[in-house]
């Protein structure tokens, strides 16, 4: 009987070690937390509002979200401001990237009120609000926002 119990313990220990190497947790006592495997991740949304110096929203401005730390195409995204001068989007990412930036350009020339100067908004220029608490490797949900005023370089012809 004792020999049978020892063999079961040896088999369980070997199986436990093998499963652990493969990334699985095979046993857990009540009240004990399990080990997590993976990488921290979060969900963040951004809201950029683009206006002229008189606080009038500018439609049609190109806003490019990019992560300066990588050349991965999936981390670059191009959107355009709507009639309210807004760009809003939610992105799931392995981590909140402090190297993110938003390049804002006038690509339609004098349409929509005139030709405006380009501007880049960096991570430290954004207002950050945590909208959901994280747990474990999930860092939570965050909203980043900025109100950007652009300088008018040349009047448009409407």
Protein backbone atom coordinates (compact mmCIF):
# COMPACT_ATOMS: atom_id res chain seq x y z
CA UNK A 1 0.00 0.00 0.00
CA UNK A 2 2.78 2.46 0.93
CA UNK A 3 4.60 1.63 -2.31
CA UNK A 4 1.42 2.44 -4.31
CA UNK A 5 1.05 5.83 -2.59
CA UNK A 6 4.71 6.71 -3.23
CA UNK A 7 4.36 5.78 -6.93
CA UNK A 8 1.24 7.97 -7.24
CA UNK A 9 3.08 10.89 -5.62
CA UNK A 10 6.04 10.45 -7.99
CA UNK A 11 3.71 10.27 -11.03
CA UNK A 12 1.79 13.33 -9.84
CA UNK A 13 5.01 15.29 -9.17
CA UNK A 14 6.42 14.44 -12.61
CA UNK A 15 3.12 15.30 -14.29
CA UNK A 16 2.85 18.51 -12.26
CA UNK A 17 6.36 19.62 -13.29
CA UNK A 18 5.73 18.76 -16.95
CA UNK A 19 2.45 20.69 -17.04
CA UNK A 20 4.09 23.65 -15.29
CA UNK A 21 6.81 23.74 -17.95
CA UNK A 22 4.10 23.79 -20.60
CA UNK A 23 2.39 26.74 -18.92
CA UNK A 24 -0.41 24.97 -17.09
CA UNK A 25 -1.20 24.93 -13.41
CA UNK A 26 -2.25 21.43 -12.40
CA UNK A 27 -2.90 21.85 -8.70
CA UNK A 28 -3.98 24.63 -6.41
CA UNK A 29 -4.92 24.68 -2.76
CA UNK A 30 -7.98 26.61 -1.59
CA UNK A 31 -7.01 30.22 -0.90
CA UNK A 32 -3.83 29.96 -2.91
CA UNK A 33 -3.41 32.06 -6.06
CA UNK A 34 -2.25 30.47 -9.27
CA UNK A 35 0.74 31.63 -11.28
CA UNK A 36 -0.05 33.71 -14.35
CA UNK A 37 1.70 33.30 -17.65
CA UNK A 38 1.74 35.89 -20.34
CA UNK A 39 2.24 39.58 -20.66
CA UNK A 40 0.49 42.57 -19.08
CA UNK A 41 -2.17 44.08 -21.30
CA UNK A 42 -4.73 46.83 -21.17
CA UNK A 43 -7.46 48.48 -23.15
CA UNK A 44 -7.23 52.13 -23.88
CA UNK A 45 -9.27 54.56 -25.83
CA UNK A 46 -8.20 57.89 -27.11
CA UNK A 47 -10.17 61.05 -27.80
CA UNK A 48 -8.52 63.88 -29.65
CA UNK A 49 -10.47 67.08 -30.27
CA UNK A 50 -9.00 69.43 -32.86
CA UNK A 51 -10.06 73.09 -32.97
CA UNK A 52 -8.75 76.33 -34.37
CA UNK A 53 -7.56 79.18 -32.16
CA UNK A 54 -11.18 80.40 -31.80
CA UNK A 55 -12.30 76.96 -30.46
CA UNK A 56 -14.14 76.09 -33.68
CA UNK A 57 -13.90 72.34 -34.46
CA UNK A 58 -11.94 71.44 -37.60
CA UNK A 59 -13.25 68.58 -39.74
CA UNK A 60 -11.06 66.43 -41.99
CA UNK A 61 -7.80 66.65 -40.06
CA UNK A 62 -5.67 63.51 -40.36
CA UNK A 63 -4.72 62.01 -36.99
CA UNK A 64 -2.13 59.24 -37.00
CA UNK A 65 -1.70 57.20 -33.85
CA UNK A 66 1.72 55.61 -33.68
CA UNK A 67 3.98 53.91 -31.23
CA UNK A 68 7.47 55.33 -31.56
CA UNK A 69 8.96 52.22 -30.01
CA UNK A 70 8.11 49.89 -32.87
CA UNK A 71 7.69 49.70 -36.61
CA UNK A 72 4.76 47.26 -36.37
CA UNK A 73 2.04 48.31 -38.80
CA UNK A 74 -0.77 47.28 -36.43
CA UNK A 75 0.39 49.94 -33.98
CA UNK A 76 -0.08 52.71 -36.54
CA UNK A 77 -3.57 53.89 -37.25
CA UNK A 78 -4.87 56.75 -39.39
CA UNK A 79 -8.22 58.41 -38.72
CA UNK A 80 -9.82 61.74 -39.61
CA UNK A 81 -11.68 64.23 -37.44
CA UNK A 82 -15.45 64.36 -37.80
CA UNK A 83 -17.65 67.46 -38.04
CA UNK A 84 -17.15 68.04 -34.30
CA UNK A 85 -13.35 67.93 -34.68
CA UNK A 86 -13.23 64.59 -32.84
CA UNK A 87 -11.36 61.35 -33.28
CA UNK A 88 -12.21 58.51 -30.88
CA UNK A 89 -11.02 54.92 -30.90
CA UNK A 90 -10.50 51.97 -28.55
CA UNK A 91 -7.38 49.82 -28.81
CA UNK A 92 -6.46 46.61 -26.99
CA UNK A 93 -2.72 46.38 -26.52
CA UNK A 94 -0.19 44.21 -24.70
CA UNK A 95 0.77 47.24 -22.60
CA UNK A 96 0.06 50.92 -22.27
CA UNK A 97 2.76 52.49 -24.39
CA UNK A 98 4.32 55.64 -23.01
CA UNK A 99 5.95 56.23 -26.42
CA UNK A 100 2.66 56.70 -28.24
CA UNK A 101 2.02 59.91 -30.12
CA UNK A 102 -0.56 61.47 -32.40
CA UNK A 103 0.51 63.37 -35.51
CA UNK A 104 -2.17 65.84 -36.65
CA UNK A 105 -1.99 67.18 -40.20
CA UNK A 106 -4.17 69.25 -42.51
CA UNK A 107 -4.37 67.10 -45.63
CA UNK A 108 -7.20 68.88 -47.45
CA UNK A 109 -5.45 72.25 -47.79
CA UNK A 110 -7.66 75.32 -47.56
CA UNK A 111 -10.91 73.31 -47.36
CA UNK A 112 -12.70 73.29 -43.97
CA UNK A 113 -11.69 76.85 -43.09
CA UNK A 114 -8.07 77.09 -44.15
CA UNK A 115 -4.63 75.58 -44.06
CA UNK A 116 -3.55 74.71 -40.53
CA UNK A 117 -0.13 74.01 -39.01
CA UNK A 118 0.74 70.38 -38.19
CA UNK A 119 1.14 69.34 -34.58
CA UNK A 120 2.28 66.23 -32.70
CA UNK A 121 0.78 65.30 -29.33
CA UNK A 122 2.86 62.97 -27.17
CA UNK A 123 1.95 60.69 -24.28
CA UNK A 124 2.82 63.32 -21.67
CA UNK A 125 0.49 65.85 -23.35
CA UNK A 126 -2.52 63.57 -22.86
CA UNK A 127 -4.94 63.58 -19.94
CA UNK A 128 -5.22 60.04 -18.56
CA UNK A 129 -8.28 58.66 -16.76
CA UNK A 130 -8.57 55.05 -15.59
CA UNK A 131 -12.10 53.90 -16.46
CA UNK A 132 -11.81 50.32 -15.20
CA UNK A 133 -9.58 48.77 -12.54
CA UNK A 134 -7.20 46.02 -13.58
CA UNK A 135 -6.65 42.62 -12.03
CA UNK A 136 -3.68 40.33 -12.50
CA UNK A 137 -2.01 40.95 -15.84
CA UNK A 138 -4.96 43.04 -17.01
CA UNK A 139 -3.83 46.60 -16.26
CA UNK A 140 -7.33 47.97 -16.71
CA UNK A 141 -9.04 50.33 -19.11
CA UNK A 142 -7.83 53.87 -19.68
CA UNK A 143 -9.01 56.89 -21.64
CA UNK A 144 -6.44 59.30 -23.00
CA UNK A 145 -7.63 62.66 -24.28
CA UNK A 146 -6.34 65.95 -25.57
CA UNK A 147 -7.83 69.17 -26.85
CA UNK A 148 -5.55 70.40 -29.60
CA UNK A 149 -5.60 73.94 -30.99
CA UNK A 150 -4.06 74.43 -34.42
CA UNK A 151 -2.66 77.64 -35.80
CA UNK A 152 -4.27 78.92 -39.01
CA UNK A 153 -1.58 79.44 -41.66
CA UNK A 154 -3.77 80.48 -44.60
CA UNK A 155 -7.47 81.38 -44.84
CA UNK A 156 -9.66 78.98 -46.83
CA UNK A 157 -11.98 79.89 -49.64
CA UNK A 158 -15.50 78.57 -48.98
